[in-house]
Amino acid sequence: MRLHQWAEDLWTIEDAAPLELGASITFPLRTTILRDASDKLWIHSPVRLDEALVEQIALCGEVGSIVAPNCFHHLFFTQAQRYFSNAQGYVA
């Protein structure tokens, strides 16, 4: 996994391992990161993180918010909060 930059203040992370719900149901996992008006990063639907990915994100700026908008997007929320403990968390 790696950070992909789409624009000056917009990135995504595609998780190589999809979420598997049974034998025939899989969902791709994607995180969106953007820089908000306060110049902090906003992480939407965090995927699995590792040290290398956390370092890539940190190079982009300080994480200010982590968002899990619904029950399918919360799986790696707690892990993201551990890595970015100063960020405000928002869950549905």
N, C-alpha and C. Protein backbone atom coordinates (compact mmCIF):
# COMPACT_ATOMS: atom_id res chain seq x y z
N MET A 1 0.84 -1.18 0.00
CA MET A 1 0.00 0.00 0.00
C MET A 1 0.88 1.24 0.00
N ARG A 2 0.39 2.26 -0.65
CA ARG A 2 1.10 3.52 -0.62
C ARG A 2 0.11 4.64 -0.86
N LEU A 3 0.55 5.82 -0.49
CA LEU A 3 -0.23 7.02 -0.66
C LEU A 3 -0.17 7.43 -2.12
N HIS A 4 -1.32 7.74 -2.71
CA HIS A 4 -1.37 8.23 -4.09
C HIS A 4 -1.91 9.66 -4.07
N GLN A 5 -1.15 10.59 -4.59
CA GLN A 5 -1.59 11.98 -4.61
C GLN A 5 -2.33 12.28 -5.90
N TRP A 6 -3.55 12.83 -5.78
CA TRP A 6 -4.40 13.16 -6.92
C TRP A 6 -4.36 14.66 -7.23
N ALA A 7 -4.18 15.45 -6.20
CA ALA A 7 -4.12 16.91 -6.35
C ALA A 7 -3.27 17.44 -5.20
N GLU A 8 -3.09 18.76 -5.14
CA GLU A 8 -2.20 19.34 -4.14
C GLU A 8 -2.56 18.92 -2.71
N ASP A 9 -3.84 18.85 -2.40
CA ASP A 9 -4.28 18.55 -1.04
C ASP A 9 -5.20 17.34 -0.97
N LEU A 10 -5.02 16.38 -1.87
CA LEU A 10 -5.90 15.21 -1.93
C LEU A 10 -5.11 13.95 -2.24
N TRP A 11 -5.27 12.92 -1.38
CA TRP A 11 -4.58 11.64 -1.53
C TRP A 11 -5.57 10.50 -1.30
N THR A 12 -5.21 9.32 -1.77
CA THR A 12 -5.94 8.10 -1.44
C THR A 12 -4.94 7.00 -1.10
N ILE A 13 -5.46 6.00 -0.40
CA ILE A 13 -4.70 4.78 -0.12
C ILE A 13 -5.61 3.62 -0.49
N GLU A 14 -5.14 2.75 -1.35
CA GLU A 14 -5.89 1.54 -1.71
C GLU A 14 -5.28 0.37 -0.96
N ASP A 15 -6.09 -0.34 -0.17
CA ASP A 15 -5.60 -1.51 0.55
C ASP A 15 -5.57 -2.68 -0.42
N ALA A 16 -4.44 -3.36 -0.50
CA ALA A 16 -4.29 -4.47 -1.44
C ALA A 16 -5.14 -5.67 -1.06
N ALA A 17 -5.50 -5.79 0.22
CA ALA A 17 -6.31 -6.93 0.68
C ALA A 17 -7.75 -6.46 0.90
N PRO A 18 -8.66 -6.89 0.03
CA PRO A 18 -10.06 -6.46 0.20
C PRO A 18 -10.68 -7.09 1.44
N LEU A 19 -11.76 -6.48 1.89
CA LEU A 19 -12.53 -7.02 3.00
C LEU A 19 -13.38 -8.16 2.48
N GLU A 20 -13.26 -9.34 3.08
CA GLU A 20 -14.01 -10.51 2.62
C GLU A 20 -15.12 -10.83 3.61
N LEU A 21 -16.35 -10.86 3.10
CA LEU A 21 -17.52 -11.21 3.89
C LEU A 21 -18.13 -12.47 3.29
N GLY A 22 -17.58 -13.60 3.64
CA GLY A 22 -18.04 -14.85 3.05
C GLY A 22 -17.25 -15.19 1.80
N ALA A 23 -17.64 -16.26 1.17
CA ALA A 23 -16.89 -16.79 0.02
C ALA A 23 -17.01 -15.92 -1.23
N SER A 24 -18.12 -15.22 -1.41
CA SER A 24 -18.32 -14.52 -2.68
C SER A 24 -18.51 -13.02 -2.54
N ILE A 25 -18.36 -12.47 -1.36
CA ILE A 25 -18.57 -11.04 -1.18
C ILE A 25 -17.27 -10.39 -0.71
N THR A 26 -16.73 -9.52 -1.54
CA THR A 26 -15.52 -8.78 -1.16
C THR A 26 -15.73 -7.30 -1.46
N PHE A 27 -15.12 -6.47 -0.64
CA PHE A 27 -15.19 -5.03 -0.82
C PHE A 27 -13.77 -4.48 -0.88
N PRO A 28 -13.47 -3.65 -1.87
CA PRO A 28 -12.17 -2.99 -1.87
C PRO A 28 -12.14 -1.98 -0.73
N LEU A 29 -10.96 -1.72 -0.20
CA LEU A 29 -10.81 -0.77 0.90
C LEU A 29 -10.01 0.43 0.41
N ARG A 30 -10.54 1.63 0.65
CA ARG A 30 -9.87 2.85 0.21
C ARG A 30 -10.03 3.92 1.27
N THR A 31 -8.96 4.63 1.53
CA THR A 31 -8.97 5.79 2.41
C THR A 31 -8.78 7.04 1.56
N THR A 32 -9.49 8.09 1.92
CA THR A 32 -9.30 9.39 1.29
C THR A 32 -8.73 10.33 2.35
N ILE A 33 -7.72 11.08 1.96
CA ILE A 33 -7.09 12.05 2.85
C ILE A 33 -7.10 13.40 2.14
N LEU A 34 -7.53 14.43 2.86
CA LEU A 34 -7.46 15.76 2.28
C LEU A 34 -6.98 16.76 3.32
N ARG A 35 -6.43 17.85 2.84
CA ARG A 35 -5.99 18.93 3.72
C ARG A 35 -7.17 19.90 3.83
N ASP A 36 -7.58 20.19 5.06
CA ASP A 36 -8.73 21.06 5.26
C ASP A 36 -8.32 22.52 5.41
N ALA A 37 -9.29 23.38 5.66
CA ALA A 37 -9.04 24.82 5.74
C ALA A 37 -8.10 25.20 6.88
N SER A 38 -7.99 24.35 7.90
CA SER A 38 -7.08 24.62 9.01
C SER A 38 -5.66 24.12 8.73
N ASP A 39 -5.43 23.63 7.51
CA ASP A 39 -4.14 23.11 7.06
C ASP A 39 -3.77 21.78 7.73
N LYS A 40 -4.78 21.09 8.28
CA LYS A 40 -4.56 19.76 8.86
C LYS A 40 -5.17 18.72 7.94
N LEU A 41 -4.71 17.48 8.11
CA LEU A 41 -5.22 16.39 7.28
C LEU A 41 -6.47 15.79 7.89
N TRP A 42 -7.38 15.41 7.01
CA TRP A 42 -8.65 14.80 7.35
C TRP A 42 -8.63 13.40 6.72
N ILE A 43 -8.70 12.36 7.54
CA ILE A 43 -8.65 10.98 7.05
C ILE A 43 -10.06 10.40 7.07
N HIS A 44 -10.55 10.00 5.91
CA HIS A 44 -11.88 9.42 5.78
C HIS A 44 -11.77 7.92 5.56
N SER A 45 -12.37 7.14 6.44
CA SER A 45 -12.41 5.69 6.34
C SER A 45 -11.01 5.06 6.31
N PRO A 46 -10.31 5.10 7.44
CA PRO A 46 -8.93 4.58 7.45
C PRO A 46 -8.86 3.09 7.13
N VAL A 47 -7.84 2.74 6.33
CA VAL A 47 -7.54 1.34 6.04
C VAL A 47 -6.48 0.87 7.03
N ARG A 48 -6.04 -0.40 6.89
CA ARG A 48 -4.93 -0.92 7.70
C ARG A 48 -3.73 -0.02 7.53
N LEU A 49 -3.09 0.31 8.62
CA LEU A 49 -1.90 1.15 8.55
C LEU A 49 -0.68 0.38 9.04
N ASP A 50 0.47 0.74 8.50
CA ASP A 50 1.73 0.22 9.01
C ASP A 50 2.67 1.42 9.17
N GLU A 51 3.83 1.18 9.73
CA GLU A 51 4.77 2.27 10.02
C GLU A 51 5.14 3.05 8.76
N ALA A 52 5.39 2.36 7.66
CA ALA A 52 5.79 3.03 6.42
C ALA A 52 4.68 3.96 5.91
N LEU A 53 3.45 3.50 5.97
CA LEU A 53 2.33 4.32 5.51
C LEU A 53 2.09 5.51 6.43
N VAL A 54 2.23 5.30 7.72
CA VAL A 54 2.09 6.39 8.70
C VAL A 54 3.15 7.46 8.43
N GLU A 55 4.36 7.04 8.09
CA GLU A 55 5.42 8.00 7.77
C GLU A 55 5.08 8.80 6.51
N GLN A 56 4.52 8.13 5.49
CA GLN A 56 4.12 8.82 4.27
C GLN A 56 3.06 9.87 4.57
N ILE A 57 2.08 9.51 5.40
CA ILE A 57 1.02 10.44 5.77
C ILE A 57 1.60 11.62 6.54
N ALA A 58 2.48 11.34 7.48
CA ALA A 58 3.08 12.40 8.30
C ALA A 58 3.87 13.40 7.44
N LEU A 59 4.45 12.95 6.35
CA LEU A 59 5.17 13.86 5.46
C LEU A 59 4.23 14.86 4.79
N CYS A 60 2.95 14.51 4.70
CA CYS A 60 1.96 15.40 4.08
C CYS A 60 1.48 16.47 5.04
N GLY A 61 1.55 16.19 6.34
CA GLY A 61 1.10 17.16 7.33
C GLY A 61 0.59 16.49 8.58
N GLU A 62 0.07 17.33 9.48
CA GLU A 62 -0.48 16.84 10.75
C GLU A 62 -1.92 16.37 10.55
N VAL A 63 -2.23 15.20 11.07
CA VAL A 63 -3.60 14.68 10.99
C VAL A 63 -4.43 15.35 12.07
N GLY A 64 -5.51 16.01 11.65
CA GLY A 64 -6.40 16.70 12.58
C GLY A 64 -7.69 15.97 12.85
N SER A 65 -8.15 15.16 11.87
CA SER A 65 -9.44 14.47 12.01
C SER A 65 -9.37 13.08 11.37
N ILE A 66 -10.05 12.13 12.03
CA ILE A 66 -10.22 10.78 11.48
C ILE A 66 -11.72 10.52 11.49
N VAL A 67 -12.27 10.13 10.33
CA VAL A 67 -13.72 9.99 10.18
C VAL A 67 -14.08 8.56 9.77
N ALA A 68 -15.01 7.96 10.52
CA ALA A 68 -15.60 6.66 10.17
C ALA A 68 -17.10 6.90 9.97
N PRO A 69 -17.56 7.10 8.73
CA PRO A 69 -18.93 7.56 8.49
C PRO A 69 -20.04 6.53 8.71
N ASN A 70 -19.68 5.25 8.74
CA ASN A 70 -20.71 4.24 8.99
C ASN A 70 -20.07 2.94 9.46
N CYS A 71 -20.87 1.91 9.66
CA CYS A 71 -20.37 0.67 10.27
C CYS A 71 -19.39 -0.11 9.39
N PHE A 72 -19.33 0.14 8.10
CA PHE A 72 -18.35 -0.54 7.26
C PHE A 72 -17.01 0.19 7.22
N HIS A 73 -16.98 1.40 7.72
CA HIS A 73 -15.77 2.20 7.63
C HIS A 73 -15.04 2.36 8.96
N HIS A 74 -15.44 1.60 9.96
CA HIS A 74 -14.86 1.74 11.29
C HIS A 74 -13.79 0.71 11.62
N LEU A 75 -13.57 -0.27 10.76
CA LEU A 75 -12.74 -1.42 11.10
C LEU A 75 -11.32 -1.06 11.55
N PHE A 76 -10.72 -0.04 10.98
CA PHE A 76 -9.35 0.32 11.31
C PHE A 76 -9.27 1.70 11.96
N PHE A 77 -10.42 2.19 12.42
CA PHE A 77 -10.51 3.49 13.07
C PHE A 77 -9.65 3.55 14.33
N THR A 78 -9.77 2.55 15.20
CA THR A 78 -9.02 2.54 16.46
C THR A 78 -7.51 2.50 16.19
N GLN A 79 -7.10 1.72 15.22
CA GLN A 79 -5.68 1.67 14.86
C GLN A 79 -5.19 3.05 14.41
N ALA A 80 -5.98 3.73 13.58
CA ALA A 80 -5.60 5.06 13.11
C ALA A 80 -5.50 6.04 14.28
N GLN A 81 -6.42 5.92 15.23
CA GLN A 81 -6.36 6.79 16.41
C GLN A 81 -5.10 6.55 17.23
N ARG A 82 -4.65 5.32 17.30
CA ARG A 82 -3.40 5.04 18.03
C ARG A 82 -2.21 5.71 17.35
N TYR A 83 -2.16 5.63 16.02
CA TYR A 83 -1.05 6.26 15.28
C TYR A 83 -1.12 7.78 15.33
N PHE A 84 -2.33 8.32 15.26
CA PHE A 84 -2.53 9.77 15.21
C PHE A 84 -3.34 10.19 16.43
N SER A 85 -2.74 10.06 17.59
CA SER A 85 -3.45 10.24 18.85
C SER A 85 -3.91 11.67 19.11
N ASN A 86 -3.33 12.64 18.45
CA ASN A 86 -3.77 14.03 18.63
C ASN A 86 -4.96 14.40 17.75
N ALA A 87 -5.34 13.53 16.84
CA ALA A 87 -6.45 13.81 15.92
C ALA A 87 -7.79 13.64 16.60
N GLN A 88 -8.75 14.43 16.18
CA GLN A 88 -10.13 14.31 16.66
C GLN A 88 -10.79 13.18 15.88
N GLY A 89 -11.50 12.29 16.57
CA GLY A 89 -12.19 11.19 15.91
C GLY A 89 -13.67 11.46 15.78
N TYR A 90 -14.23 11.05 14.64
CA TYR A 90 -15.67 11.19 14.37
C TYR A 90 -16.20 9.86 13.86
N VAL A 91 -17.23 9.34 14.51
CA VAL A 91 -17.83 8.07 14.08
C VAL A 91 -19.35 8.22 13.98
N ALA A 92 -19.94 7.43 13.11
CA ALA A 92 -21.40 7.45 12.97
C ALA A 92 -22.01 6.58 14.04
